[in-house]
């Protein structure tokens, strides 16, 4: 996984054969302004037909307020090469100290984010900013992740890695045609702790 600096973003999109690099770049810039923790990366994406393509993805955390507390939720957003004609693929990413909220209506068991704006993508209207706004709203209604229970306070430092679990990676690659990469980001706040009744 390679970090794409701002000065190389357009060149990277062209090299990855994006159909609409200018539109993708504008969309990425708009999101980066509102969500500065999301960084652009390039990596190979593997598809069910064994096709392998280089795609860009936004990795990092999105800030949410859940039950009066502030949390940073680690996410990965893969941008299709036909964006903005097709929706991105979004996942929450796990560390070993995290579990997916099994009761979440917005995240499946593999960590794939399920949003109305993704399933009802509209050319000329839908964009990454709308995806992030709806994602934050969904995560504020119902947390997608819990810190494992019982556990010590989960404080993720700059050295910590948020990685999508191997089961998520295998399922995502097989079902959704996309590989999931490790997310190296800061998450300064503790996630809500899970309880037996929550799982």
C-alpha atoms as a PDB file:
ATOM      1  CA  UNK A   1       0.000   0.000   0.000  1.00  0.00           C
ATOM      2  CA  UNK A   2       1.498   3.321  -1.094  1.00  0.00           C
ATOM      3  CA  UNK A   3       0.548   6.712   0.298  1.00  0.00           C
ATOM      4  CA  UNK A   4      -0.329   9.192  -2.459  1.00  0.00           C
ATOM      5  CA  UNK A   5       0.800  12.731  -1.687  1.00  0.00           C
ATOM      6  CA  UNK A   6      -1.288  15.700  -2.852  1.00  0.00           C
ATOM      7  CA  UNK A   7       1.107  16.595  -5.667  1.00  0.00           C
ATOM      8  CA  UNK A   8       0.883  13.081  -7.134  1.00  0.00           C
ATOM      9  CA  UNK A   9      -2.846  12.465  -6.841  1.00  0.00           C
ATOM     10  CA  UNK A  10      -3.808  13.396 -10.403  1.00  0.00           C
ATOM     11  CA  UNK A  11      -0.847  11.512 -11.885  1.00  0.00           C
ATOM     12  CA  UNK A  12      -1.759   8.440  -9.833  1.00  0.00           C
ATOM     13  CA  UNK A  13      -5.372   8.519 -11.002  1.00  0.00           C
ATOM     14  CA  UNK A  14      -4.225   8.688 -14.625  1.00  0.00           C
ATOM     15  CA  UNK A  15      -1.752   5.840 -14.105  1.00  0.00           C
ATOM     16  CA  UNK A  16      -4.518   3.746 -12.545  1.00  0.00           C
ATOM     17  CA  UNK A  17      -6.693   4.360 -15.620  1.00  0.00           C
ATOM     18  CA  UNK A  18      -9.452   6.287 -13.882  1.00  0.00           C
ATOM     19  CA  UNK A  19     -12.048   7.330 -16.445  1.00  0.00           C
ATOM     20  CA  UNK A  20     -12.729  10.726 -14.860  1.00  0.00           C
ATOM     21  CA  UNK A  21      -9.574  11.742 -12.969  1.00  0.00           C
ATOM     22  CA  UNK A  22     -10.563  15.412 -12.658  1.00  0.00           C
ATOM     23  CA  UNK A  23     -13.922  14.574 -11.092  1.00  0.00           C
ATOM     24  CA  UNK A  24     -12.346  12.011  -8.750  1.00  0.00           C
ATOM     25  CA  UNK A  25      -9.682  14.502  -7.699  1.00  0.00           C
ATOM     26  CA  UNK A  26     -12.296  17.190  -6.968  1.00  0.00           C
ATOM     27  CA  UNK A  27     -14.284  14.694  -4.909  1.00  0.00           C
ATOM     28  CA  UNK A  28     -11.213  13.609  -2.933  1.00  0.00           C
ATOM     29  CA  UNK A  29     -10.224  17.228  -2.233  1.00  0.00           C
ATOM     30  CA  UNK A  30     -13.711  18.069  -0.954  1.00  0.00           C
ATOM     31  CA  UNK A  31     -13.652  15.110   1.437  1.00  0.00           C
ATOM     32  CA  UNK A  32     -10.099  15.846   2.597  1.00  0.00           C
ATOM     33  CA  UNK A  33     -11.166  19.333   3.653  1.00  0.00           C
ATOM     34  CA  UNK A  34     -13.958  18.028   5.887  1.00  0.00           C
ATOM     35  CA  UNK A  35     -12.172  14.829   6.999  1.00  0.00           C
ATOM     36  CA  UNK A  36      -8.450  15.657   7.208  1.00  0.00           C
ATOM     37  CA  UNK A  37      -7.592  12.307   8.832  1.00  0.00           C
ATOM     38  CA  UNK A  38      -8.533  10.454   5.640  1.00  0.00           C
ATOM     39  CA  UNK A  39      -5.442   9.932   3.487  1.00  0.00           C
ATOM     40  CA  UNK A  40      -5.227   8.675  -0.091  1.00  0.00           C
ATOM     41  CA  UNK A  41      -3.437   5.400  -0.830  1.00  0.00           C
ATOM     42  CA  UNK A  42      -2.937   3.227  -3.890  1.00  0.00           C
ATOM     43  CA  UNK A  43      -3.002  -0.557  -3.813  1.00  0.00           C
ATOM     44  CA  UNK A  44      -3.941  -3.566  -5.898  1.00  0.00           C
ATOM     45  CA  UNK A  45      -7.541  -4.662  -5.805  1.00  0.00           C
ATOM     46  CA  UNK A  46      -8.341  -8.291  -6.599  1.00  0.00           C
ATOM     47  CA  UNK A  47     -11.605  -9.261  -8.275  1.00  0.00           C
ATOM     48  CA  UNK A  48     -13.477 -12.599  -8.316  1.00  0.00           C
ATOM     49  CA  UNK A  49     -12.492 -13.221 -11.957  1.00  0.00           C
ATOM     50  CA  UNK A  50      -8.797 -13.053 -10.882  1.00  0.00           C
ATOM     51  CA  UNK A  51      -8.460  -9.616 -12.408  1.00  0.00           C
ATOM     52  CA  UNK A  52      -6.062  -7.366 -10.531  1.00  0.00           C
ATOM     53  CA  UNK A  53      -6.222  -3.579 -10.775  1.00  0.00           C
ATOM     54  CA  UNK A  54      -4.539  -0.664  -9.097  1.00  0.00           C
ATOM     55  CA  UNK A  55      -7.099   1.501  -7.333  1.00  0.00           C
ATOM     56  CA  UNK A  56      -6.962   4.357  -4.869  1.00  0.00           C
ATOM     57  CA  UNK A  57      -8.638   4.310  -1.488  1.00  0.00           C
ATOM     58  CA  UNK A  58      -9.121   6.666   1.422  1.00  0.00           C
ATOM     59  CA  UNK A  59      -7.950   5.262   4.746  1.00  0.00           C
ATOM     60  CA  UNK A  60      -8.174   6.848   8.162  1.00  0.00           C
ATOM     61  CA  UNK A  61     -10.740   7.636  10.802  1.00  0.00           C
ATOM     62  CA  UNK A  62     -13.988   9.554  10.864  1.00  0.00           C
ATOM     63  CA  UNK A  63     -15.001  11.403  14.040  1.00  0.00           C
ATOM     64  CA  UNK A  64     -18.388  10.559  15.512  1.00  0.00           C
ATOM     65  CA  UNK A  65     -20.282  11.371  18.689  1.00  0.00           C
ATOM     66  CA  UNK A  66     -22.010   8.338  20.169  1.00  0.00           C
ATOM     67  CA  UNK A  67     -24.014   8.481  23.386  1.00  0.00           C
ATOM     68  CA  UNK A  68     -22.367  11.786  24.292  1.00  0.00           C
ATOM     69  CA  UNK A  69     -18.775  10.620  23.752  1.00  0.00           C
ATOM     70  CA  UNK A  70     -16.433  11.331  20.844  1.00  0.00           C
ATOM     71  CA  UNK A  71     -14.865   8.440  18.938  1.00  0.00           C
ATOM     72  CA  UNK A  72     -12.712   7.988  15.841  1.00  0.00           C
ATOM     73  CA  UNK A  73     -13.966   5.120  13.679  1.00  0.00           C
ATOM     74  CA  UNK A  74     -11.364   3.557  11.325  1.00  0.00           C
ATOM     75  CA  UNK A  75     -12.640   3.187   7.750  1.00  0.00           C
ATOM     76  CA  UNK A  76     -11.418   2.279   4.275  1.00  0.00           C
ATOM     77  CA  UNK A  77     -13.125   3.704   1.164  1.00  0.00           C
ATOM     78  CA  UNK A  78     -12.177   2.161  -2.182  1.00  0.00           C
ATOM     79  CA  UNK A  79     -12.867   4.396  -5.171  1.00  0.00           C
ATOM     80  CA  UNK A  80     -13.886   2.597  -8.366  1.00  0.00           C
ATOM     81  CA  UNK A  81     -12.091   3.524 -11.566  1.00  0.00           C
ATOM     82  CA  UNK A  82     -15.423   4.630 -13.054  1.00  0.00           C
ATOM     83  CA  UNK A  83     -16.162   7.002 -10.150  1.00  0.00           C
ATOM     84  CA  UNK A  84     -18.361   9.066  -9.993  1.00  0.00           C
ATOM     85  CA  UNK A  85     -20.533   6.781 -12.122  1.00  0.00           C
ATOM     86  CA  UNK A  86     -20.265   3.958  -9.595  1.00  0.00           C
ATOM     87  CA  UNK A  87     -20.301   4.055  -5.795  1.00  0.00           C
ATOM     88  CA  UNK A  88     -17.229   3.403  -3.673  1.00  0.00           C
ATOM     89  CA  UNK A  89     -16.886   0.327  -1.475  1.00  0.00           C
ATOM     90  CA  UNK A  90     -16.653   1.177   2.199  1.00  0.00           C
ATOM     91  CA  UNK A  91     -15.563  -0.870   5.181  1.00  0.00           C
ATOM     92  CA  UNK A  92     -14.877  -0.320   8.841  1.00  0.00           C
ATOM     93  CA  UNK A  93     -11.454  -1.650   9.815  1.00  0.00           C
ATOM     94  CA  UNK A  94     -10.621  -3.643  12.901  1.00  0.00           C
ATOM     95  CA  UNK A  95      -7.705  -3.999  15.242  1.00  0.00           C
ATOM     96  CA  UNK A  96      -7.400  -7.136  17.407  1.00  0.00           C
ATOM     97  CA  UNK A  97      -9.053  -5.177  20.241  1.00  0.00           C
ATOM     98  CA  UNK A  98     -12.199  -4.397  18.230  1.00  0.00           C
ATOM     99  CA  UNK A  99     -15.315  -6.318  17.287  1.00  0.00           C
ATOM    100  CA  UNK A 100     -18.093  -5.435  14.869  1.00  0.00           C
ATOM    101  CA  UNK A 101     -21.404  -4.533  16.458  1.00  0.00           C
ATOM    102  CA  UNK A 102     -23.473  -7.570  15.482  1.00  0.00           C
ATOM    103  CA  UNK A 103     -26.691  -5.566  15.860  1.00  0.00           C
ATOM    104  CA  UNK A 104     -25.637  -2.794  13.516  1.00  0.00           C
ATOM    105  CA  UNK A 105     -27.977  -2.095  10.623  1.00  0.00           C
ATOM    106  CA  UNK A 106     -25.276  -0.187   8.775  1.00  0.00           C
ATOM    107  CA  UNK A 107     -22.338  -2.621   8.862  1.00  0.00           C
ATOM    108  CA  UNK A 108     -22.463  -6.315   7.988  1.00  0.00           C
ATOM    109  CA  UNK A 109     -20.564  -9.126   9.701  1.00  0.00           C
ATOM    110  CA  UNK A 110     -17.581  -8.612   7.389  1.00  0.00           C
ATOM    111  CA  UNK A 111     -17.312  -4.894   8.081  1.00  0.00           C
ATOM    112  CA  UNK A 112     -18.860  -3.697   4.838  1.00  0.00           C
ATOM    113  CA  UNK A 113     -20.684  -0.391   5.325  1.00  0.00           C
ATOM    114  CA  UNK A 114     -24.292  -0.423   4.091  1.00  0.00           C
ATOM    115  CA  UNK A 115     -25.740   2.996   3.334  1.00  0.00           C
ATOM    116  CA  UNK A 116     -28.735   4.208   1.347  1.00  0.00           C
ATOM    117  CA  UNK A 117     -26.553   6.566  -0.661  1.00  0.00           C
ATOM    118  CA  UNK A 118     -24.393   3.620  -1.780  1.00  0.00           C
ATOM    119  CA  UNK A 119     -27.260   1.364  -2.802  1.00  0.00           C
ATOM    120  CA  UNK A 120     -29.098   4.273  -4.450  1.00  0.00           C
ATOM    121  CA  UNK A 121     -26.138   5.934  -6.149  1.00  0.00           C
ATOM    122  CA  UNK A 122     -27.193   8.669  -8.584  1.00  0.00           C
ATOM    123  CA  UNK A 123     -24.877   9.943 -11.302  1.00  0.00           C
ATOM    124  CA  UNK A 124     -24.548  13.698 -11.161  1.00  0.00           C
ATOM    125  CA  UNK A 125     -25.711  13.921  -7.558  1.00  0.00           C
ATOM    126  CA  UNK A 126     -23.912  11.322  -5.430  1.00  0.00           C
ATOM    127  CA  UNK A 127     -20.361  11.953  -4.234  1.00  0.00           C
ATOM    128  CA  UNK A 128     -17.892  11.049  -1.492  1.00  0.00           C
ATOM    129  CA  UNK A 129     -18.979  13.924   0.753  1.00  0.00           C
ATOM    130  CA  UNK A 130     -22.534  12.585   0.827  1.00  0.00           C
ATOM    131  CA  UNK A 131     -21.175   9.113   1.625  1.00  0.00           C
ATOM    132  CA  UNK A 132     -19.133  10.429   4.559  1.00  0.00           C
ATOM    133  CA  UNK A 133     -22.009  12.551   5.875  1.00  0.00           C
ATOM    134  CA  UNK A 134     -24.392   9.593   5.834  1.00  0.00           C
ATOM    135  CA  UNK A 135     -21.712   7.313   7.305  1.00  0.00           C
ATOM    136  CA  UNK A 136     -21.112   9.643  10.247  1.00  0.00           C
ATOM    137  CA  UNK A 137     -24.859  10.011  10.839  1.00  0.00           C
ATOM    138  CA  UNK A 138     -25.290   6.209  10.775  1.00  0.00           C
ATOM    139  CA  UNK A 139     -22.376   5.606  13.153  1.00  0.00           C
ATOM    140  CA  UNK A 140     -23.713   8.238  15.547  1.00  0.00           C
ATOM    141  CA  UNK A 141     -27.065   6.462  15.697  1.00  0.00           C
ATOM    142  CA  UNK A 142     -25.494   3.042  16.197  1.00  0.00           C
ATOM    143  CA  UNK A 143     -21.802   2.368  16.761  1.00  0.00           C
ATOM    144  CA  UNK A 144     -20.317  -0.027  14.162  1.00  0.00           C
ATOM    145  CA  UNK A 145     -17.501  -1.200  16.457  1.00  0.00           C
ATOM    146  CA  UNK A 146     -16.945  -2.051  20.082  1.00  0.00           C
ATOM    147  CA  UNK A 147     -13.798  -2.447  22.113  1.00  0.00           C
ATOM    148  CA  UNK A 148     -13.632  -6.088  23.150  1.00  0.00           C
ATOM    149  CA  UNK A 149     -14.994  -6.962  26.599  1.00  0.00           C
ATOM    150  CA  UNK A 150     -13.500  -7.430  29.080  1.00  0.00           C
ATOM    151  CA  UNK A 151     -10.487  -5.350  28.084  1.00  0.00           C
ATOM    152  CA  UNK A 152      -8.261  -2.612  29.314  1.00  0.00           C
ATOM    153  CA  UNK A 153      -8.990   0.850  27.958  1.00  0.00           C
ATOM    154  CA  UNK A 154      -8.354   0.842  24.235  1.00  0.00           C
ATOM    155  CA  UNK A 155      -6.061   3.732  23.488  1.00  0.00           C
ATOM    156  CA  UNK A 156      -4.663   3.477  20.004  1.00  0.00           C
ATOM    157  CA  UNK A 157      -1.393   5.340  19.587  1.00  0.00           C
ATOM    158  CA  UNK A 158       0.291   6.510  16.424  1.00  0.00           C
ATOM    159  CA  UNK A 159       2.069   3.147  16.341  1.00  0.00           C
ATOM    160  CA  UNK A 160      -1.165   1.188  16.336  1.00  0.00           C
ATOM    161  CA  UNK A 161      -2.535  -0.467  13.243  1.00  0.00           C
ATOM    162  CA  UNK A 162      -6.167  -0.769  12.295  1.00  0.00           C
ATOM    163  CA  UNK A 163      -6.430  -3.701   9.972  1.00  0.00           C
ATOM    164  CA  UNK A 164      -9.442  -5.303   8.452  1.00  0.00           C
ATOM    165  CA  UNK A 165      -9.694  -8.858   9.692  1.00  0.00           C
ATOM    166  CA  UNK A 166      -8.629 -11.703   7.426  1.00  0.00           C
ATOM    167  CA  UNK A 167     -12.199 -12.960   7.283  1.00  0.00           C
ATOM    168  CA  UNK A 168     -13.348  -9.526   6.133  1.00  0.00           C
ATOM    169  CA  UNK A 169     -10.587  -9.372   3.547  1.00  0.00           C
ATOM    170  CA  UNK A 170     -11.377 -12.797   2.121  1.00  0.00           C
ATOM    171  CA  UNK A 171     -15.113 -12.163   2.067  1.00  0.00           C
ATOM    172  CA  UNK A 172     -14.734  -8.699   0.599  1.00  0.00           C
ATOM    173  CA  UNK A 173     -12.443  -9.889  -2.139  1.00  0.00           C
ATOM    174  CA  UNK A 174     -14.715 -12.778  -2.996  1.00  0.00           C
ATOM    175  CA  UNK A 175     -18.084 -11.072  -2.672  1.00  0.00           C
ATOM    176  CA  UNK A 176     -17.371  -7.478  -3.562  1.00  0.00           C
ATOM    177  CA  UNK A 177     -14.319  -7.613  -5.805  1.00  0.00           C
ATOM    178  CA  UNK A 178     -12.068  -5.525  -3.638  1.00  0.00           C
ATOM    179  CA  UNK A 179      -9.060  -6.123  -1.424  1.00  0.00           C
ATOM    180  CA  UNK A 180      -8.789  -4.565   2.000  1.00  0.00           C
ATOM    181  CA  UNK A 181      -5.572  -2.962   3.157  1.00  0.00           C
ATOM    182  CA  UNK A 182      -4.113  -2.197   6.527  1.00  0.00           C
ATOM    183  CA  UNK A 183      -5.007   1.213   7.863  1.00  0.00           C
ATOM    184  CA  UNK A 184      -2.249   2.983   9.812  1.00  0.00           C
ATOM    185  CA  UNK A 185      -3.983   5.857  11.544  1.00  0.00           C
ATOM    186  CA  UNK A 186      -4.513   7.593  14.858  1.00  0.00           C
ATOM    187  CA  UNK A 187      -7.567   6.849  16.963  1.00  0.00           C
ATOM    188  CA  UNK A 188      -7.217   8.882  20.107  1.00  0.00           C
ATOM    189  CA  UNK A 189     -10.454   7.911  21.802  1.00  0.00           C
ATOM    190  CA  UNK A 190     -11.667   4.676  23.310  1.00  0.00           C
ATOM    191  CA  UNK A 191     -14.351   2.792  21.430  1.00  0.00           C
ATOM    192  CA  UNK A 192     -17.542   1.870  23.250  1.00  0.00           C
ATOM    193  CA  UNK A 193     -16.981  -1.367  25.173  1.00  0.00           C
ATOM    194  CA  UNK A 194     -18.990  -4.358  24.109  1.00  0.00           C
ATOM    195  CA  UNK A 195     -21.012  -6.410  26.542  1.00  0.00           C
ATOM    196  CA  UNK A 196     -22.508  -9.845  26.107  1.00  0.00           C
ATOM    197  CA  UNK A 197     -25.890  -8.286  25.554  1.00  0.00           C
ATOM    198  CA  UNK A 198     -24.427  -6.056  22.842  1.00  0.00           C
ATOM    199  CA  UNK A 199     -23.032  -8.862  20.711  1.00  0.00           C
END
